[in-house]
C-alpha atoms as a PDB file:
ATOM      1  CA  LYS A   1      12.363 -24.256 -22.511  1.00  0.00           C
ATOM      2  CA  GLY A   2       8.607 -23.783 -22.038  1.00  0.00           C
ATOM      3  CA  ILE A   3       8.491 -26.457 -19.352  1.00  0.00           C
ATOM      4  CA  LEU A   4      11.361 -24.760 -17.520  1.00  0.00           C
ATOM      5  CA  TRP A   5       9.560 -21.403 -17.529  1.00  0.00           C
ATOM      6  CA  GLY A   6       6.359 -23.115 -16.388  1.00  0.00           C
ATOM      7  CA  VAL A   7       8.141 -24.803 -13.492  1.00  0.00           C
ATOM      8  CA  LEU A   8       9.882 -21.576 -12.487  1.00  0.00           C
ATOM      9  CA  SER A   9       6.638 -19.613 -12.534  1.00  0.00           C
ATOM     10  CA  GLY A  10       4.901 -22.388 -10.598  1.00  0.00           C
ATOM     11  CA  LEU A  11       7.566 -22.299  -7.901  1.00  0.00           C
ATOM     12  CA  SER A  12       6.879 -18.639  -7.180  1.00  0.00           C
ATOM     13  CA  GLU A  13       3.814 -19.406  -5.028  1.00  0.00           C
ATOM     14  CA  PRO A  14       5.345 -21.962  -2.637  1.00  0.00           C
ATOM     15  CA  LEU A  15       8.576 -19.973  -2.401  1.00  0.00           C
ATOM     16  CA  GLY A  16       6.598 -16.788  -1.695  1.00  0.00           C
ATOM     17  CA  GLY A  17       4.574 -18.627   0.946  1.00  0.00           C
ATOM     18  CA  LEU A  18       7.737 -19.954   2.574  1.00  0.00           C
ATOM     19  CA  PHE A  19       9.303 -16.499   2.532  1.00  0.00           C
ATOM     20  CA  GLY A  20       6.151 -14.971   4.045  1.00  0.00           C
ATOM     21  CA  HIS A  21       6.082 -17.646   6.735  1.00  0.00           C
ATOM     22  CA  LEU A  22       9.713 -17.012   7.632  1.00  0.00           C
ATOM     23  CA  VAL A  23       9.159 -13.242   7.794  1.00  0.00           C
ATOM     24  CA  LEU A  24       5.977 -13.454   9.881  1.00  0.00           C
ATOM     25  CA  LYS A  25       6.980 -16.419  12.063  1.00  0.00           C
ATOM     26  CA  GLY A  26       6.586 -15.573  15.727  1.00  0.00           C
ATOM     27  CA  THR A  27       4.733 -12.309  15.123  1.00  0.00           C
ATOM     28  CA  ASP A  28       1.218 -11.733  16.361  1.00  0.00           C
ATOM     29  CA  MET A  29      -0.539  -9.918  13.537  1.00  0.00           C
ATOM     30  CA  ASN A  30      -3.802  -8.120  14.039  1.00  0.00           C
ATOM     31  CA  PRO A  31      -6.817 -10.010  12.586  1.00  0.00           C
ATOM     32  CA  LEU A  32      -7.645  -6.857  10.612  1.00  0.00           C
ATOM     33  CA  ALA A  33      -4.246  -7.107   8.906  1.00  0.00           C
ATOM     34  CA  TYR A  34      -4.938 -10.741   7.949  1.00  0.00           C
ATOM     35  CA  GLY A  35      -8.352  -9.804   6.579  1.00  0.00           C
ATOM     36  CA  THR A  36      -6.874  -6.931   4.595  1.00  0.00           C
ATOM     37  CA  LEU A  37      -4.136  -9.114   3.106  1.00  0.00           C
ATOM     38  CA  PHE A  38      -6.580 -11.893   2.202  1.00  0.00           C
ATOM     39  CA  ALA A  39      -8.928  -9.381   0.570  1.00  0.00           C
ATOM     40  CA  LEU A  40      -6.045  -7.864  -1.396  1.00  0.00           C
ATOM     41  CA  VAL A  41      -4.861 -11.242  -2.680  1.00  0.00           C
ATOM     42  CA  GLY A  42      -8.437 -12.313  -3.457  1.00  0.00           C
ATOM     43  CA  GLY A  43      -8.957  -9.127  -5.446  1.00  0.00           C
ATOM     44  CA  MET A  44      -5.783  -9.744  -7.442  1.00  0.00           C
ATOM     45  CA  MET A  45      -6.841 -13.299  -8.219  1.00  0.00           C
ATOM     46  CA  THR A  46     -10.317 -12.154  -9.275  1.00  0.00           C
ATOM     47  CA  TYR A  47      -8.855  -9.473 -11.534  1.00  0.00           C
ATOM     48  CA  ILE A  48      -6.531 -11.975 -13.212  1.00  0.00           C
ATOM     49  CA  SER A  49      -9.434 -14.371 -13.729  1.00  0.00           C
ATOM     50  CA  PHE A  50     -11.754 -11.839 -15.309  1.00  0.00           C
ATOM     51  CA  ALA A  51      -9.223  -9.694 -17.168  1.00  0.00           C
ATOM     52  CA  GLU A  52      -6.904 -12.410 -18.480  1.00  0.00           C
ATOM     53  CA  LEU A  53      -8.295 -15.935 -18.232  1.00  0.00           C
ATOM     54  CA  LEU A  54     -11.928 -15.394 -19.211  1.00  0.00           C
ATOM     55  CA  PRO A  55     -11.166 -13.380 -22.386  1.00  0.00           C
ATOM     56  CA  ASN A  56      -8.659 -16.063 -23.403  1.00  0.00           C
ATOM     57  CA  ALA A  57     -11.282 -18.763 -22.851  1.00  0.00           C
ATOM     58  CA  LEU A  58     -13.779 -16.790 -24.941  1.00  0.00           C
ATOM     59  CA  TYR A  59     -11.171 -16.415 -27.693  1.00  0.00           C
ATOM     60  CA  HIS A  60     -10.829 -20.197 -27.932  1.00  0.00           C
ATOM     61  CA  ASP A  61     -14.592 -20.752 -27.619  1.00  0.00           C
ATOM     62  CA  PRO A  62     -16.200 -17.992 -29.731  1.00  0.00           C
ATOM     63  CA  SER A  63     -19.740 -19.114 -28.873  1.00  0.00           C
ATOM     64  CA  GLY A  64     -18.945 -18.533 -25.200  1.00  0.00           C
ATOM     65  CA  HIS A  65     -21.281 -21.272 -23.982  1.00  0.00           C
ATOM     66  CA  SER A  66     -18.616 -23.599 -22.596  1.00  0.00           C
ATOM     67  CA  ALA A  67     -16.517 -20.798 -21.086  1.00  0.00           C
ATOM     68  CA  THR A  68     -19.508 -19.168 -19.395  1.00  0.00           C
ATOM     69  CA  ALA A  69     -20.884 -22.462 -18.083  1.00  0.00           C
ATOM     70  CA  SER A  70     -17.465 -23.461 -16.759  1.00  0.00           C
ATOM     71  CA  CYS A  71     -17.031 -20.099 -15.027  1.00  0.00           C
ATOM     72  CA  LEU A  72     -20.428 -20.375 -13.352  1.00  0.00           C
ATOM     73  CA  LEU A  73     -19.812 -24.008 -12.392  1.00  0.00           C
ATOM     74  CA  GLY A  74     -16.474 -23.060 -10.833  1.00  0.00           C
ATOM     75  CA  MET A  75     -18.141 -20.299  -8.825  1.00  0.00           C
ATOM     76  CA  ALA A  76     -20.828 -22.737  -7.644  1.00  0.00           C
ATOM     77  CA  VAL A  77     -18.222 -25.308  -6.565  1.00  0.00           C
ATOM     78  CA  MET A  78     -16.310 -22.678  -4.602  1.00  0.00           C
ATOM     79  CA  ALA A  79     -19.493 -21.394  -2.927  1.00  0.00           C
ATOM     80  CA  ALA A  80     -20.543 -24.958  -2.035  1.00  0.00           C
ATOM     81  CA  SER A  81     -17.124 -25.728  -0.574  1.00  0.00           C
ATOM     82  CA  LEU A  82     -17.284 -22.591   1.597  1.00  0.00           C
ATOM     83  CA  LEU A  83     -20.717 -23.611   2.869  1.00  0.00           C
ATOM     84  CA  LEU A  84     -19.608 -27.177   3.551  1.00  0.00           C
ATOM     85  CA  PHE A  85     -16.495 -26.072   5.455  1.00  0.00           C
ATOM     86  CA  GLU A  86     -18.628 -23.845   7.725  1.00  0.00           C
ATOM     87  CA  ALA A  87     -20.914 -26.730   8.713  1.00  0.00           C
END
């Protein structure tokens, strides 16, 4: 039952992306609208990370060393990938 719920929740992203593609297909959106939507989604993902995932990681690692180091390492990897894709 847990695997089923995991699969169903995992399918929400590709199905949402497909639905969004079908709705916006053929339209010429303003770049400001794209930037606003990306910022909104990025803000939601950041909130989920800091409000839900990080406290859960700290619960399972009371010292906080591994969770903090992993968070900072993840941020560094993302920043490096952004810099490498610009080059």
